[in-house]
Amino acid sequence: MASVLGLLEARESAAREVIERLREEADRILEELDEAEAGLERLVIARETVAEVLNGPVARAETAATATDPGPMGLMVVPRRREGLSARVLPEEYQRLLAVLVAGAAGGPMRARDLTVALGREAVPAKIECVRSMAKRLVSRGWAVADQGLFTVDATSVVGSAAG
């Protein structure tokens, strides 16, 4: 009959093998995750670059007529904010997001998760990232401001144009 210590040593050895196999699998999965995240980052940059190239500078007369229409290939055109330009030129979803930012301005900056919930969307990572992307686009176009992942509006320049 095998000794108790021998049985424990055998189980310990088997447990170490399982742990080593799982560590190797975890390393492989983390490597795949890094590659997938890098691929996603490249796609986001490519999409933003294409949207920027397609949006380009838009003449004032065209802006009011076409800015709310989806652009080529279904892209929504988010024009750069400038004096006298109403938020009505923004696509509807961006108008809603800007309205949430304006309404929440008194309460301070908001995280993408809070914006997602305020827009009536489920607070799951995919929807939060979508709203974060939209908020970042509003920031890059001058409609909103961001600091360390918190979004708000510059009350002195946007509130009047958000109203209409």
C-alpha atoms as a PDB file:
ATOM      1  CA  MET A   1       0.000   0.000   0.000  1.00  0.00           C
ATOM      2  CA  ALA A   2       1.268   3.476  -0.867  1.00  0.00           C
ATOM      3  CA  SER A   3       2.185   5.787   1.933  1.00  0.00           C
ATOM      4  CA  VAL A   4       0.100   8.851   2.736  1.00  0.00           C
ATOM      5  CA  LEU A   5       3.112  11.098   2.075  1.00  0.00           C
ATOM      6  CA  GLY A   6       3.623   9.438  -1.307  1.00  0.00           C
ATOM      7  CA  LEU A   7      -0.018  10.026  -2.256  1.00  0.00           C
ATOM      8  CA  LEU A   8       0.176  13.665  -1.159  1.00  0.00           C
ATOM      9  CA  GLU A   9       3.377  14.162  -3.167  1.00  0.00           C
ATOM     10  CA  ALA A  10       1.698  12.682  -6.253  1.00  0.00           C
ATOM     11  CA  ARG A  11      -1.323  14.973  -5.865  1.00  0.00           C
ATOM     12  CA  GLU A  12       0.958  17.957  -5.250  1.00  0.00           C
ATOM     13  CA  SER A  13       2.882  17.148  -8.434  1.00  0.00           C
ATOM     14  CA  ALA A  14      -0.373  16.836 -10.409  1.00  0.00           C
ATOM     15  CA  ALA A  15      -1.599  20.169  -8.999  1.00  0.00           C
ATOM     16  CA  ARG A  16       1.668  21.859  -9.999  1.00  0.00           C
ATOM     17  CA  GLU A  17       1.280  20.495 -13.540  1.00  0.00           C
ATOM     18  CA  VAL A  18      -2.281  21.825 -13.751  1.00  0.00           C
ATOM     19  CA  ILE A  19      -1.146  25.231 -12.464  1.00  0.00           C
ATOM     20  CA  GLU A  20       1.698  25.375 -14.993  1.00  0.00           C
ATOM     21  CA  ARG A  21      -0.646  24.403 -17.846  1.00  0.00           C
ATOM     22  CA  LEU A  22      -3.182  27.056 -16.771  1.00  0.00           C
ATOM     23  CA  ARG A  23      -0.451  29.723 -16.504  1.00  0.00           C
ATOM     24  CA  GLU A  24       0.680  28.911 -20.047  1.00  0.00           C
ATOM     25  CA  GLU A  25      -2.913  29.139 -21.251  1.00  0.00           C
ATOM     26  CA  ALA A  26      -3.419  32.443 -19.399  1.00  0.00           C
ATOM     27  CA  ASP A  27      -0.237  33.839 -20.998  1.00  0.00           C
ATOM     28  CA  ARG A  28      -1.482  32.743 -24.417  1.00  0.00           C
ATOM     29  CA  ILE A  29      -4.887  34.341 -23.815  1.00  0.00           C
ATOM     30  CA  LEU A  30      -3.298  37.583 -22.577  1.00  0.00           C
ATOM     31  CA  GLU A  31      -1.140  37.665 -25.698  1.00  0.00           C
ATOM     32  CA  GLU A  32      -4.225  37.181 -27.889  1.00  0.00           C
ATOM     33  CA  LEU A  33      -6.028  39.883 -25.914  1.00  0.00           C
ATOM     34  CA  ASP A  34      -3.142  42.312 -26.482  1.00  0.00           C
ATOM     35  CA  GLU A  35      -3.207  41.560 -30.211  1.00  0.00           C
ATOM     36  CA  ALA A  36      -6.985  42.021 -30.367  1.00  0.00           C
ATOM     37  CA  GLU A  37      -6.796  45.330 -28.473  1.00  0.00           C
ATOM     38  CA  ALA A  38      -4.030  46.558 -30.791  1.00  0.00           C
ATOM     39  CA  GLY A  39      -6.164  45.588 -33.792  1.00  0.00           C
ATOM     40  CA  LEU A  40      -9.156  47.410 -32.329  1.00  0.00           C
ATOM     41  CA  GLU A  41      -7.043  50.507 -31.692  1.00  0.00           C
ATOM     42  CA  ARG A  42      -5.841  50.475 -35.322  1.00  0.00           C
ATOM     43  CA  LEU A  43      -9.449  50.169 -36.551  1.00  0.00           C
ATOM     44  CA  VAL A  44     -10.634  53.034 -34.340  1.00  0.00           C
ATOM     45  CA  ILE A  45      -7.798  55.246 -35.588  1.00  0.00           C
ATOM     46  CA  ALA A  46      -8.528  54.283 -39.193  1.00  0.00           C
ATOM     47  CA  ARG A  47     -12.249  55.017 -38.778  1.00  0.00           C
ATOM     48  CA  GLU A  48     -11.575  58.363 -37.136  1.00  0.00           C
ATOM     49  CA  THR A  49      -9.042  59.278 -39.816  1.00  0.00           C
ATOM     50  CA  VAL A  50     -11.447  58.371 -42.624  1.00  0.00           C
ATOM     51  CA  ALA A  51     -14.262  60.306 -40.927  1.00  0.00           C
ATOM     52  CA  GLU A  52     -11.963  63.307 -40.498  1.00  0.00           C
ATOM     53  CA  VAL A  53     -10.879  63.174 -44.137  1.00  0.00           C
ATOM     54  CA  LEU A  54     -14.472  62.803 -45.332  1.00  0.00           C
ATOM     55  CA  ASN A  55     -15.771  65.539 -43.037  1.00  0.00           C
ATOM     56  CA  GLY A  56     -13.052  68.051 -43.897  1.00  0.00           C
ATOM     57  CA  PRO A  57     -13.850  71.736 -43.749  1.00  0.00           C
ATOM     58  CA  VAL A  58     -17.529  72.249 -44.558  1.00  0.00           C
ATOM     59  CA  ALA A  59     -18.774  75.557 -45.950  1.00  0.00           C
ATOM     60  CA  ARG A  60     -21.293  77.383 -43.714  1.00  0.00           C
ATOM     61  CA  ALA A  61     -24.082  77.241 -46.298  1.00  0.00           C
ATOM     62  CA  GLU A  62     -23.706  73.461 -46.661  1.00  0.00           C
ATOM     63  CA  THR A  63     -23.441  72.803 -42.940  1.00  0.00           C
ATOM     64  CA  ALA A  64     -27.031  73.548 -42.002  1.00  0.00           C
ATOM     65  CA  ALA A  65     -28.387  71.555 -44.918  1.00  0.00           C
ATOM     66  CA  THR A  66     -26.190  68.454 -44.789  1.00  0.00           C
ATOM     67  CA  ALA A  67     -24.498  68.062 -41.410  1.00  0.00           C
ATOM     68  CA  THR A  68     -27.304  65.998 -39.902  1.00  0.00           C
ATOM     69  CA  ASP A  69     -27.449  63.653 -42.880  1.00  0.00           C
ATOM     70  CA  PRO A  70     -25.220  60.623 -42.781  1.00  0.00           C
ATOM     71  CA  GLY A  71     -22.177  61.241 -44.905  1.00  0.00           C
ATOM     72  CA  PRO A  72     -20.648  58.899 -47.447  1.00  0.00           C
ATOM     73  CA  MET A  73     -20.867  55.252 -46.465  1.00  0.00           C
ATOM     74  CA  GLY A  74     -23.318  56.069 -43.638  1.00  0.00           C
ATOM     75  CA  LEU A  75     -20.822  58.041 -41.537  1.00  0.00           C
ATOM     76  CA  MET A  76     -22.356  60.739 -39.357  1.00  0.00           C
ATOM     77  CA  VAL A  77     -20.837  64.129 -39.938  1.00  0.00           C
ATOM     78  CA  VAL A  78     -19.948  66.004 -36.769  1.00  0.00           C
ATOM     79  CA  PRO A  79     -18.872  69.506 -37.815  1.00  0.00           C
ATOM     80  CA  ARG A  80     -16.362  71.538 -35.884  1.00  0.00           C
ATOM     81  CA  ARG A  81     -18.030  73.981 -33.542  1.00  0.00           C
ATOM     82  CA  ARG A  82     -17.682  77.628 -34.410  1.00  0.00           C
ATOM     83  CA  GLU A  83     -19.347  80.841 -33.322  1.00  0.00           C
ATOM     84  CA  GLY A  84     -23.010  81.043 -34.299  1.00  0.00           C
ATOM     85  CA  LEU A  85     -23.309  77.348 -35.230  1.00  0.00           C
ATOM     86  CA  SER A  86     -26.310  75.685 -33.603  1.00  0.00           C
ATOM     87  CA  ALA A  87     -26.193  72.216 -32.090  1.00  0.00           C
ATOM     88  CA  ARG A  88     -29.039  71.341 -34.491  1.00  0.00           C
ATOM     89  CA  VAL A  89     -26.377  70.675 -37.146  1.00  0.00           C
ATOM     90  CA  LEU A  90     -25.224  67.660 -35.119  1.00  0.00           C
ATOM     91  CA  PRO A  91     -26.621  64.190 -35.813  1.00  0.00           C
ATOM     92  CA  GLU A  92     -29.510  63.356 -33.481  1.00  0.00           C
ATOM     93  CA  GLU A  93     -27.520  61.027 -31.201  1.00  0.00           C
ATOM     94  CA  TYR A  94     -24.842  63.693 -30.756  1.00  0.00           C
ATOM     95  CA  GLN A  95     -27.530  66.288 -29.984  1.00  0.00           C
ATOM     96  CA  ARG A  96     -28.906  63.977 -27.286  1.00  0.00           C
ATOM     97  CA  LEU A  97     -25.421  63.447 -25.835  1.00  0.00           C
ATOM     98  CA  LEU A  98     -24.719  67.175 -25.856  1.00  0.00           C
ATOM     99  CA  ALA A  99     -28.076  67.834 -24.156  1.00  0.00           C
ATOM    100  CA  VAL A 100     -27.127  65.365 -21.386  1.00  0.00           C
ATOM    101  CA  LEU A 101     -23.779  67.119 -20.960  1.00  0.00           C
ATOM    102  CA  VAL A 102     -25.468  70.536 -20.807  1.00  0.00           C
ATOM    103  CA  ALA A 103     -28.087  69.288 -18.318  1.00  0.00           C
ATOM    104  CA  GLY A 104     -25.385  67.688 -16.180  1.00  0.00           C
ATOM    105  CA  ALA A 105     -23.005  70.660 -16.352  1.00  0.00           C
ATOM    106  CA  ALA A 106     -24.245  72.007 -13.016  1.00  0.00           C
ATOM    107  CA  GLY A 107     -23.485  68.668 -11.367  1.00  0.00           C
ATOM    108  CA  GLY A 108     -19.978  68.577 -12.766  1.00  0.00           C
ATOM    109  CA  PRO A 109     -18.207  66.441 -15.343  1.00  0.00           C
ATOM    110  CA  MET A 110     -19.581  63.000 -16.175  1.00  0.00           C
ATOM    111  CA  ARG A 111     -17.960  59.640 -16.907  1.00  0.00           C
ATOM    112  CA  ALA A 112     -18.853  57.736 -20.078  1.00  0.00           C
ATOM    113  CA  ARG A 113     -20.727  55.182 -17.966  1.00  0.00           C
ATOM    114  CA  ASP A 114     -22.944  57.909 -16.467  1.00  0.00           C
ATOM    115  CA  LEU A 115     -23.559  59.386 -19.920  1.00  0.00           C
ATOM    116  CA  THR A 116     -24.550  55.944 -21.213  1.00  0.00           C
ATOM    117  CA  VAL A 117     -27.103  55.504 -18.439  1.00  0.00           C
ATOM    118  CA  ALA A 118     -28.407  59.073 -18.894  1.00  0.00           C
ATOM    119  CA  LEU A 119     -28.987  58.306 -22.583  1.00  0.00           C
ATOM    120  CA  GLY A 120     -31.131  55.339 -21.544  1.00  0.00           C
ATOM    121  CA  ARG A 121     -28.668  52.717 -22.743  1.00  0.00           C
ATOM    122  CA  GLU A 122     -27.628  49.586 -20.905  1.00  0.00           C
ATOM    123  CA  ALA A 123     -24.328  50.142 -19.046  1.00  0.00           C
ATOM    124  CA  VAL A 124     -22.397  47.335 -20.735  1.00  0.00           C
ATOM    125  CA  PRO A 125     -18.814  47.811 -21.961  1.00  0.00           C
ATOM    126  CA  ALA A 126     -19.691  47.955 -25.678  1.00  0.00           C
ATOM    127  CA  LYS A 127     -22.311  50.680 -25.206  1.00  0.00           C
ATOM    128  CA  ILE A 128     -20.134  52.622 -22.770  1.00  0.00           C
ATOM    129  CA  GLU A 129     -17.271  52.599 -25.297  1.00  0.00           C
ATOM    130  CA  CYS A 130     -19.639  53.751 -28.042  1.00  0.00           C
ATOM    131  CA  VAL A 131     -20.758  56.715 -25.923  1.00  0.00           C
ATOM    132  CA  ARG A 132     -17.140  57.435 -24.922  1.00  0.00           C
ATOM    133  CA  SER A 133     -16.201  57.523 -28.624  1.00  0.00           C
ATOM    134  CA  MET A 134     -19.061  59.919 -29.361  1.00  0.00           C
ATOM    135  CA  ALA A 135     -18.098  62.139 -26.416  1.00  0.00           C
ATOM    136  CA  LYS A 136     -14.472  62.190 -27.570  1.00  0.00           C
ATOM    137  CA  ARG A 137     -15.638  63.202 -31.041  1.00  0.00           C
ATOM    138  CA  LEU A 138     -17.624  66.087 -29.514  1.00  0.00           C
ATOM    139  CA  VAL A 139     -14.473  67.088 -27.635  1.00  0.00           C
ATOM    140  CA  SER A 140     -12.297  66.925 -30.745  1.00  0.00           C
ATOM    141  CA  ARG A 141     -14.822  69.070 -32.639  1.00  0.00           C
ATOM    142  CA  GLY A 142     -15.041  71.689 -29.873  1.00  0.00           C
ATOM    143  CA  TRP A 143     -18.564  70.915 -28.631  1.00  0.00           C
ATOM    144  CA  ALA A 144     -17.442  69.472 -25.275  1.00  0.00           C
ATOM    145  CA  VAL A 145     -14.389  69.312 -23.041  1.00  0.00           C
ATOM    146  CA  ALA A 146     -12.731  66.386 -21.280  1.00  0.00           C
ATOM    147  CA  ASP A 147     -10.310  65.994 -18.431  1.00  0.00           C
ATOM    148  CA  GLN A 148      -9.042  62.610 -17.251  1.00  0.00           C
ATOM    149  CA  GLY A 149     -12.004  60.671 -18.641  1.00  0.00           C
ATOM    150  CA  LEU A 150     -14.613  63.139 -17.418  1.00  0.00           C
ATOM    151  CA  PHE A 151     -16.744  64.966 -19.976  1.00  0.00           C
ATOM    152  CA  THR A 152     -18.549  68.279 -19.680  1.00  0.00           C
ATOM    153  CA  VAL A 153     -19.349  71.371 -21.729  1.00  0.00           C
ATOM    154  CA  ASP A 154     -17.801  74.795 -21.703  1.00  0.00           C
ATOM    155  CA  ALA A 155     -20.889  76.586 -20.433  1.00  0.00           C
ATOM    156  CA  THR A 156     -19.829  79.943 -21.839  1.00  0.00           C
ATOM    157  CA  SER A 157     -19.572  78.741 -25.423  1.00  0.00           C
ATOM    158  CA  VAL A 158     -21.867  75.746 -25.904  1.00  0.00           C
ATOM    159  CA  VAL A 159     -24.981  76.201 -23.771  1.00  0.00           C
ATOM    160  CA  GLY A 160     -26.477  78.802 -26.095  1.00  0.00           C
ATOM    161  CA  SER A 161     -25.816  76.768 -29.200  1.00  0.00           C
ATOM    162  CA  ALA A 162     -27.088  73.532 -27.593  1.00  0.00           C
ATOM    163  CA  ALA A 163     -30.450  75.084 -27.014  1.00  0.00           C
ATOM    164  CA  GLY A 164     -31.027  75.635 -30.563  1.00  0.00           C
END
